[in-house]
C-alpha atoms as a PDB file:
ATOM      1  CA  MET A   1      23.567 -21.752  24.536  1.00  0.00           C
ATOM      2  CA  VAL A   2      25.663 -24.197  26.564  1.00  0.00           C
ATOM      3  CA  LYS A   3      23.990 -27.452  27.600  1.00  0.00           C
ATOM      4  CA  LEU A   4      25.280 -29.348  30.625  1.00  0.00           C
ATOM      5  CA  THR A   5      23.825 -32.841  31.017  1.00  0.00           C
ATOM      6  CA  LEU A   6      24.531 -34.682  34.268  1.00  0.00           C
ATOM      7  CA  ILE A   7      23.407 -38.315  34.433  1.00  0.00           C
ATOM      8  CA  GLN A   8      23.535 -40.229  37.699  1.00  0.00           C
ATOM      9  CA  GLY A   9      24.047 -43.890  36.955  1.00  0.00           C
ATOM     10  CA  ASP A  10      26.235 -46.672  35.636  1.00  0.00           C
ATOM     11  CA  CYS A  11      28.026 -45.589  32.466  1.00  0.00           C
ATOM     12  CA  LEU A  12      27.927 -49.146  31.121  1.00  0.00           C
ATOM     13  CA  LYS A  13      24.134 -48.863  31.089  1.00  0.00           C
ATOM     14  CA  ILE A  14      23.966 -45.242  29.898  1.00  0.00           C
ATOM     15  CA  LEU A  15      26.590 -45.173  27.138  1.00  0.00           C
ATOM     16  CA  PRO A  16      24.710 -47.667  24.922  1.00  0.00           C
ATOM     17  CA  LYS A  17      21.812 -45.173  24.864  1.00  0.00           C
ATOM     18  CA  ILE A  18      23.976 -42.411  23.383  1.00  0.00           C
ATOM     19  CA  PRO A  19      23.943 -42.317  19.542  1.00  0.00           C
ATOM     20  CA  ASP A  20      26.877 -43.400  17.386  1.00  0.00           C
ATOM     21  CA  GLU A  21      29.482 -40.714  16.664  1.00  0.00           C
ATOM     22  CA  SER A  22      27.588 -38.023  18.586  1.00  0.00           C
ATOM     23  CA  VAL A  23      30.346 -36.513  20.765  1.00  0.00           C
ATOM     24  CA  ASP A  24      33.305 -34.396  19.648  1.00  0.00           C
ATOM     25  CA  PHE A  25      35.755 -35.203  22.445  1.00  0.00           C
ATOM     26  CA  ILE A  26      36.107 -37.537  25.415  1.00  0.00           C
ATOM     27  CA  LEU A  27      38.061 -36.504  28.495  1.00  0.00           C
ATOM     28  CA  THR A  28      37.921 -38.674  31.590  1.00  0.00           C
ATOM     29  CA  ASP A  29      39.695 -40.182  34.555  1.00  0.00           C
ATOM     30  CA  PHE A  30      38.949 -43.886  34.803  1.00  0.00           C
ATOM     31  CA  PRO A  31      38.464 -45.448  38.251  1.00  0.00           C
ATOM     32  CA  TYR A  32      41.923 -46.317  39.474  1.00  0.00           C
ATOM     33  CA  PRO A  33      42.310 -50.039  38.904  1.00  0.00           C
ATOM     34  CA  ASN A  34      43.968 -52.430  41.243  1.00  0.00           C
ATOM     35  CA  PHE A  35      46.630 -53.680  38.861  1.00  0.00           C
ATOM     36  CA  ASP A  36      46.388 -57.197  40.285  1.00  0.00           C
ATOM     37  CA  LEU A  37      42.767 -57.345  39.148  1.00  0.00           C
ATOM     38  CA  PHE A  38      43.538 -57.231  35.454  1.00  0.00           C
ATOM     39  CA  SER A  39      43.866 -60.999  35.566  1.00  0.00           C
ATOM     40  CA  ASN A  40      40.246 -60.985  36.716  1.00  0.00           C
ATOM     41  CA  GLU A  41      37.893 -61.719  33.818  1.00  0.00           C
ATOM     42  CA  LYS A  42      35.145 -59.412  35.141  1.00  0.00           C
ATOM     43  CA  THR A  43      37.517 -56.455  35.374  1.00  0.00           C
ATOM     44  CA  ASP A  44      38.898 -57.131  31.909  1.00  0.00           C
ATOM     45  CA  GLU A  45      35.369 -57.398  30.511  1.00  0.00           C
ATOM     46  CA  PHE A  46      34.396 -54.098  32.158  1.00  0.00           C
ATOM     47  CA  TYR A  47      37.204 -52.184  30.467  1.00  0.00           C
ATOM     48  CA  LYS A  48      36.646 -53.836  27.104  1.00  0.00           C
ATOM     49  CA  LYS A  49      32.978 -52.820  27.146  1.00  0.00           C
ATOM     50  CA  ILE A  50      33.776 -49.249  28.187  1.00  0.00           C
ATOM     51  CA  PHE A  51      36.354 -48.735  25.441  1.00  0.00           C
ATOM     52  CA  ASP A  52      34.068 -50.289  22.830  1.00  0.00           C
ATOM     53  CA  GLU A  53      31.335 -47.802  23.774  1.00  0.00           C
ATOM     54  CA  LEU A  54      33.720 -44.846  23.768  1.00  0.00           C
ATOM     55  CA  ARG A  55      34.903 -45.724  20.259  1.00  0.00           C
ATOM     56  CA  ARG A  56      31.310 -45.963  19.102  1.00  0.00           C
ATOM     57  CA  VAL A  57      30.026 -42.629  20.480  1.00  0.00           C
ATOM     58  CA  LEU A  58      33.093 -40.573  19.502  1.00  0.00           C
ATOM     59  CA  LYS A  59      32.987 -38.901  16.112  1.00  0.00           C
ATOM     60  CA  ASN A  60      35.554 -39.877  13.546  1.00  0.00           C
ATOM     61  CA  ASN A  61      38.624 -37.623  13.298  1.00  0.00           C
ATOM     62  CA  SER A  62      38.334 -36.659  16.976  1.00  0.00           C
ATOM     63  CA  PHE A  63      40.459 -36.886  20.110  1.00  0.00           C
ATOM     64  CA  PHE A  64      40.088 -39.041  23.210  1.00  0.00           C
ATOM     65  CA  ALA A  65      42.075 -38.232  26.360  1.00  0.00           C
ATOM     66  CA  THR A  66      42.317 -39.932  29.710  1.00  0.00           C
ATOM     67  CA  PHE A  67      44.272 -39.664  32.913  1.00  0.00           C
ATOM     68  CA  TRP A  68      46.080 -42.955  33.507  1.00  0.00           C
ATOM     69  CA  SER A  69      49.011 -44.217  35.538  1.00  0.00           C
ATOM     70  CA  ILE A  70      52.462 -44.565  34.042  1.00  0.00           C
ATOM     71  CA  GLU A  71      52.872 -47.864  35.912  1.00  0.00           C
ATOM     72  CA  ASP A  72      50.159 -49.543  33.900  1.00  0.00           C
ATOM     73  CA  MET A  73      50.159 -47.775  30.568  1.00  0.00           C
ATOM     74  CA  GLN A  74      50.604 -51.137  28.791  1.00  0.00           C
ATOM     75  CA  THR A  75      47.078 -52.003  29.910  1.00  0.00           C
ATOM     76  CA  LEU A  76      45.752 -48.727  28.506  1.00  0.00           C
ATOM     77  CA  PHE A  77      47.423 -49.398  25.155  1.00  0.00           C
ATOM     78  CA  LYS A  78      45.889 -52.862  25.170  1.00  0.00           C
ATOM     79  CA  TYR A  79      42.362 -51.437  25.365  1.00  0.00           C
ATOM     80  CA  THR A  80      42.987 -48.572  22.924  1.00  0.00           C
ATOM     81  CA  ALA A  81      44.710 -50.678  20.260  1.00  0.00           C
ATOM     82  CA  LYS A  82      41.455 -51.050  18.332  1.00  0.00           C
ATOM     83  CA  ASP A  83      40.570 -47.852  16.392  1.00  0.00           C
ATOM     84  CA  PHE A  84      42.511 -45.441  18.650  1.00  0.00           C
ATOM     85  CA  LYS A  85      45.974 -44.164  17.750  1.00  0.00           C
ATOM     86  CA  PHE A  86      48.275 -42.893  20.492  1.00  0.00           C
ATOM     87  CA  VAL A  87      49.257 -39.256  19.873  1.00  0.00           C
ATOM     88  CA  TRP A  88      51.156 -37.967  22.904  1.00  0.00           C
ATOM     89  CA  MET A  89      51.282 -37.554  26.676  1.00  0.00           C
ATOM     90  CA  ILE A  90      50.456 -34.336  28.509  1.00  0.00           C
ATOM     91  CA  ILE A  91      52.055 -33.915  31.911  1.00  0.00           C
ATOM     92  CA  ASN A  92      50.218 -32.054  34.661  1.00  0.00           C
ATOM     93  CA  TYR A  93      53.169 -30.936  36.822  1.00  0.00           C
ATOM     94  CA  ILE A  94      52.242 -30.159  40.442  1.00  0.00           C
ATOM     95  CA  LYS A  95      54.829 -27.747  41.784  1.00  0.00           C
ATOM     96  CA  ASN A  96      54.029 -28.143  45.487  1.00  0.00           C
ATOM     97  CA  ALA A  97      53.169 -31.840  45.499  1.00  0.00           C
ATOM     98  CA  GLU A  98      52.603 -33.683  48.739  1.00  0.00           C
ATOM     99  CA  ARG A  99      54.532 -36.790  49.705  1.00  0.00           C
ATOM    100  CA  ASN A 100      53.094 -40.061  48.451  1.00  0.00           C
ATOM    101  CA  ARG A 101      53.027 -42.731  51.129  1.00  0.00           C
ATOM    102  CA  ILE A 102      52.768 -45.553  48.600  1.00  0.00           C
ATOM    103  CA  ARG A 103      55.304 -44.654  45.927  1.00  0.00           C
ATOM    104  CA  ILE A 104      58.803 -43.313  46.325  1.00  0.00           C
ATOM    105  CA  GLY A 105      59.053 -39.539  46.655  1.00  0.00           C
ATOM    106  CA  PHE A 106      56.269 -37.098  45.823  1.00  0.00           C
ATOM    107  CA  ASN A 107      53.169 -36.943  43.607  1.00  0.00           C
ATOM    108  CA  HIS A 108      54.738 -34.403  41.286  1.00  0.00           C
ATOM    109  CA  PHE A 109      52.654 -35.116  38.188  1.00  0.00           C
ATOM    110  CA  ASN A 110      49.542 -36.580  36.607  1.00  0.00           C
ATOM    111  CA  VAL A 111      49.627 -37.917  33.065  1.00  0.00           C
ATOM    112  CA  ILE A 112      46.989 -37.499  30.364  1.00  0.00           C
ATOM    113  CA  PHE A 113      47.298 -39.921  27.458  1.00  0.00           C
ATOM    114  CA  LEU A 114      46.017 -38.449  24.207  1.00  0.00           C
ATOM    115  CA  PHE A 115      44.611 -40.606  21.391  1.00  0.00           C
ATOM    116  CA  GLU A 116      42.834 -39.943  18.126  1.00  0.00           C
ATOM    117  CA  LYS A 117      40.107 -41.765  16.249  1.00  0.00           C
ATOM    118  CA  GLY A 118      40.803 -41.290  12.571  1.00  0.00           C
ATOM    119  CA  LYS A 119      42.855 -38.178  11.892  1.00  0.00           C
ATOM    120  CA  ALA A 120      42.103 -35.453  14.437  1.00  0.00           C
ATOM    121  CA  THR A 121      43.152 -31.822  14.072  1.00  0.00           C
ATOM    122  CA  ARG A 122      44.330 -29.741  17.004  1.00  0.00           C
ATOM    123  CA  LYS A 123      42.244 -26.618  17.421  1.00  0.00           C
ATOM    124  CA  ARG A 124      44.929 -24.939  19.488  1.00  0.00           C
ATOM    125  CA  GLN A 125      48.557 -25.707  20.316  1.00  0.00           C
ATOM    126  CA  ILE A 126      49.360 -26.376  23.982  1.00  0.00           C
ATOM    127  CA  ARG A 127      52.476 -27.243  25.931  1.00  0.00           C
ATOM    128  CA  ASP A 128      52.944 -30.870  26.854  1.00  0.00           C
ATOM    129  CA  VAL A 129      53.763 -29.864  30.448  1.00  0.00           C
ATOM    130  CA  ILE A 130      51.115 -27.823  32.276  1.00  0.00           C
ATOM    131  CA  GLU A 131      51.901 -26.538  35.774  1.00  0.00           C
ATOM    132  CA  ASP A 132      49.508 -26.085  38.668  1.00  0.00           C
ATOM    133  CA  MET A 133      49.538 -26.135  42.468  1.00  0.00           C
ATOM    134  CA  ILE A 134      47.753 -28.155  45.144  1.00  0.00           C
ATOM    135  CA  SER A 135      46.341 -24.912  46.554  1.00  0.00           C
ATOM    136  CA  SER A 136      44.142 -24.483  43.469  1.00  0.00           C
ATOM    137  CA  ILE A 137      42.186 -27.573  44.546  1.00  0.00           C
ATOM    138  CA  LYS A 138      42.241 -26.915  48.292  1.00  0.00           C
ATOM    139  CA  ARG A 139      41.052 -23.344  47.742  1.00  0.00           C
ATOM    140  CA  ASN A 140      37.866 -24.680  46.177  1.00  0.00           C
ATOM    141  CA  SER A 141      37.267 -27.259  48.949  1.00  0.00           C
ATOM    142  CA  ILE A 142      36.496 -30.076  46.530  1.00  0.00           C
ATOM    143  CA  LEU A 143      35.451 -33.027  48.680  1.00  0.00           C
ATOM    144  CA  HIS A 144      36.565 -35.796  46.357  1.00  0.00           C
ATOM    145  CA  PRO A 145      39.465 -38.236  46.820  1.00  0.00           C
ATOM    146  CA  THR A 146      41.080 -37.602  43.414  1.00  0.00           C
ATOM    147  CA  PRO A 147      39.952 -34.236  41.992  1.00  0.00           C
ATOM    148  CA  LYS A 148      41.649 -33.112  38.800  1.00  0.00           C
ATOM    149  CA  PHE A 149      43.057 -29.667  38.101  1.00  0.00           C
ATOM    150  CA  LEU A 150      40.756 -27.289  36.258  1.00  0.00           C
ATOM    151  CA  LYS A 151      43.607 -25.548  34.468  1.00  0.00           C
ATOM    152  CA  VAL A 152      44.921 -28.676  32.746  1.00  0.00           C
ATOM    153  CA  CYS A 153      41.431 -29.861  31.784  1.00  0.00           C
ATOM    154  CA  LYS A 154      40.667 -26.498  30.192  1.00  0.00           C
ATOM    155  CA  LYS A 155      43.913 -26.545  28.215  1.00  0.00           C
ATOM    156  CA  VAL A 156      43.243 -30.035  26.864  1.00  0.00           C
ATOM    157  CA  ILE A 157      39.620 -29.224  25.981  1.00  0.00           C
ATOM    158  CA  GLU A 158      40.711 -26.064  24.167  1.00  0.00           C
ATOM    159  CA  MET A 159      43.244 -28.090  22.194  1.00  0.00           C
ATOM    160  CA  ALA A 160      40.681 -30.686  21.083  1.00  0.00           C
ATOM    161  CA  THR A 161      37.422 -28.769  20.554  1.00  0.00           C
ATOM    162  CA  ASN A 162      35.697 -25.610  19.378  1.00  0.00           C
ATOM    163  CA  GLU A 163      33.013 -23.637  21.181  1.00  0.00           C
ATOM    164  CA  GLY A 164      29.692 -25.447  21.003  1.00  0.00           C
ATOM    165  CA  ASP A 165      31.227 -28.921  20.653  1.00  0.00           C
ATOM    166  CA  ILE A 166      30.052 -31.798  22.863  1.00  0.00           C
ATOM    167  CA  VAL A 167      32.484 -33.196  25.441  1.00  0.00           C
ATOM    168  CA  LEU A 168      31.802 -36.499  27.201  1.00  0.00           C
ATOM    169  CA  ASP A 169      33.124 -37.599  30.585  1.00  0.00           C
ATOM    170  CA  PRO A 170      31.788 -41.057  31.540  1.00  0.00           C
ATOM    171  CA  PHE A 171      33.431 -40.932  34.994  1.00  0.00           C
ATOM    172  CA  LEU A 172      32.671 -37.344  35.957  1.00  0.00           C
ATOM    173  CA  GLY A 173      33.720 -37.525  39.613  1.00  0.00           C
ATOM    174  CA  SER A 174      33.821 -34.034  41.119  1.00  0.00           C
ATOM    175  CA  GLY A 175      32.861 -32.417  37.812  1.00  0.00           C
ATOM    176  CA  THR A 176      36.099 -30.755  36.704  1.00  0.00           C
ATOM    177  CA  THR A 177      35.501 -31.644  33.046  1.00  0.00           C
ATOM    178  CA  MET A 178      32.008 -30.147  33.173  1.00  0.00           C
ATOM    179  CA  LYS A 179      33.184 -26.988  34.943  1.00  0.00           C
ATOM    180  CA  ALA A 180      35.896 -26.534  32.319  1.00  0.00           C
ATOM    181  CA  CYS A 181      33.292 -26.923  29.573  1.00  0.00           C
ATOM    182  CA  LEU A 182      31.049 -24.328  31.205  1.00  0.00           C
ATOM    183  CA  GLU A 183      33.866 -21.797  31.337  1.00  0.00           C
ATOM    184  CA  LEU A 184      34.906 -22.561  27.747  1.00  0.00           C
ATOM    185  CA  LYS A 185      31.364 -22.579  26.287  1.00  0.00           C
ATOM    186  CA  ARG A 186      31.392 -26.251  25.369  1.00  0.00           C
ATOM    187  CA  ASN A 187      28.461 -28.604  25.865  1.00  0.00           C
ATOM    188  CA  CYS A 188      29.098 -31.477  28.238  1.00  0.00           C
ATOM    189  CA  ILE A 189      27.630 -34.867  29.070  1.00  0.00           C
ATOM    190  CA  GLY A 190      28.837 -36.168  32.417  1.00  0.00           C
ATOM    191  CA  ILE A 191      28.012 -39.593  33.846  1.00  0.00           C
ATOM    192  CA  GLU A 192      28.619 -40.344  37.518  1.00  0.00           C
ATOM    193  CA  ILE A 193      27.418 -43.364  39.477  1.00  0.00           C
ATOM    194  CA  ASN A 194      27.985 -41.927  42.963  1.00  0.00           C
ATOM    195  CA  PRO A 195      25.087 -39.658  44.092  1.00  0.00           C
ATOM    196  CA  GLU A 196      27.353 -37.849  46.578  1.00  0.00           C
ATOM    197  CA  PHE A 197      29.715 -36.875  43.780  1.00  0.00           C
ATOM    198  CA  CYS A 198      26.748 -35.686  41.706  1.00  0.00           C
ATOM    199  CA  GLU A 199      25.887 -33.309  44.533  1.00  0.00           C
ATOM    200  CA  ILE A 200      29.475 -32.039  44.536  1.00  0.00           C
ATOM    201  CA  VAL A 201      29.136 -31.342  40.804  1.00  0.00           C
ATOM    202  CA  LYS A 202      25.901 -29.417  41.307  1.00  0.00           C
ATOM    203  CA  LYS A 203      27.433 -27.317  44.071  1.00  0.00           C
ATOM    204  CA  ARG A 204      30.564 -26.507  42.030  1.00  0.00           C
ATOM    205  CA  LEU A 205      28.520 -25.461  39.003  1.00  0.00           C
ATOM    206  CA  ASN A 206      25.757 -23.564  40.862  1.00  0.00           C
ATOM    207  CA  TRP A 207      23.335 -26.036  39.326  1.00  0.00           C
ATOM    208  CA  GLY A 208      20.026 -24.571  38.220  1.00  0.00           C
ATOM    209  CA  TYR A 209      20.884 -20.930  38.877  1.00  0.00           C
ATOM    210  CA  ASN A 210      20.414 -18.392  36.134  1.00  0.00           C
ATOM    211  CA  LEU A 211      23.840 -18.169  34.529  1.00  0.00           C
ATOM    212  CA  GLY A 212      22.712 -16.691  31.238  1.00  0.00           C
ATOM    213  CA  ASN A 213      22.842 -18.950  28.196  1.00  0.00           C
ATOM    214  CA  VAL A 214      23.223 -22.212  30.123  1.00  0.00           C
ATOM    215  CA  GLU A 215      20.797 -25.130  30.070  1.00  0.00           C
ATOM    216  CA  PHE A 216      21.061 -27.645  32.918  1.00  0.00           C
ATOM    217  CA  GLU A 217      19.779 -31.206  32.548  1.00  0.00           C
ATOM    218  CA  PHE A 218      19.918 -33.760  35.359  1.00  0.00           C
ATOM    219  CA  TYR A 219      18.745 -37.341  34.929  1.00  0.00           C
ATOM    220  CA  THR A 220      18.858 -40.531  36.868  1.00  0.00           C
ATOM    221  CA  GLU A 221      19.593 -43.680  34.908  1.00  0.00           C
ATOM    222  CA  LYS A 222      15.870 -44.449  34.622  1.00  0.00           C
ATOM    223  CA  ASP A 223      14.901 -40.852  33.755  1.00  0.00           C
ATOM    224  CA  PHE A 224      17.451 -40.723  30.952  1.00  0.00           C
ATOM    225  CA  ASP A 225      15.971 -43.807  29.333  1.00  0.00           C
ATOM    226  CA  VAL A 226      12.494 -42.240  29.353  1.00  0.00           C
ATOM    227  CA  VAL A 227      13.753 -38.948  27.894  1.00  0.00           C
ATOM    228  CA  ARG A 228      15.731 -40.799  25.230  1.00  0.00           C
ATOM    229  CA  ASN A 229      12.661 -42.706  24.106  1.00  0.00           C
ATOM    230  CA  ASP A 230      10.559 -39.523  24.030  1.00  0.00           C
ATOM    231  CA  ARG A 231      13.141 -37.674  21.961  1.00  0.00           C
ATOM    232  CA  ASN A 232      13.533 -40.569  19.579  1.00  0.00           C
ATOM    233  CA  ARG A 233       9.807 -40.494  18.898  1.00  0.00           C
ATOM    234  CA  GLY A 234       9.987 -36.760  18.325  1.00  0.00           C
ATOM    235  CA  ASN A 235      13.087 -37.127  16.151  1.00  0.00           C
ATOM    236  CA  LYS A 236      15.014 -34.704  18.350  1.00  0.00           C
ATOM    237  CA  GLU A 237      18.630 -34.777  19.430  1.00  0.00           C
ATOM    238  CA  ILE A 238      19.333 -36.822  22.542  1.00  0.00           C
ATOM    239  CA  VAL A 239      22.394 -34.792  23.494  1.00  0.00           C
END
């Protein structure tokens, strides 16, 4: 049985309700920061809190992976310096990239930074350059400003987890992490604050339809708190 748990709400309020060391892998794409804002105390505090929670909920000897910009990787290393060890970078090469109006040239690649908490073991070897094409996103009509490629997410999840493991994405966006988990028979907890994006996720995953051994759970921020309290009283797993 695969369990997909979608929670609509603020991850800073939801993550503290998830038990310590209860997820096997974290894969996410943080909201793109305005680099000038990192001198802002509120922005700095936001990222510190997020990374503290991610360290807490991730099991020891497990991987954490995130998309992040090359331009500001020093900031990423600043927030991961405590308890996370940098392992490697995985390049998502986009063969038919479109011209970037902000940077020089084309958007030819995304970068996933891979870290480990403790000493993680790769479940499967993968290449550090994974190719895909823009058409794979356009074909699926994903109405999201920065959708990620399903192929690369699946490869990274396969590298870091086994079937039945729990994958967390605290910034789920259009749901690529959750769709990859569904296809790979991994459980997934996805948190997304934007209700429109939650609807995109439901549409992509045929939410609620009979797909065999799949259990769908959808909660609002308030609902999740009620369910958590009920399960705690019954001594059942929250995720």
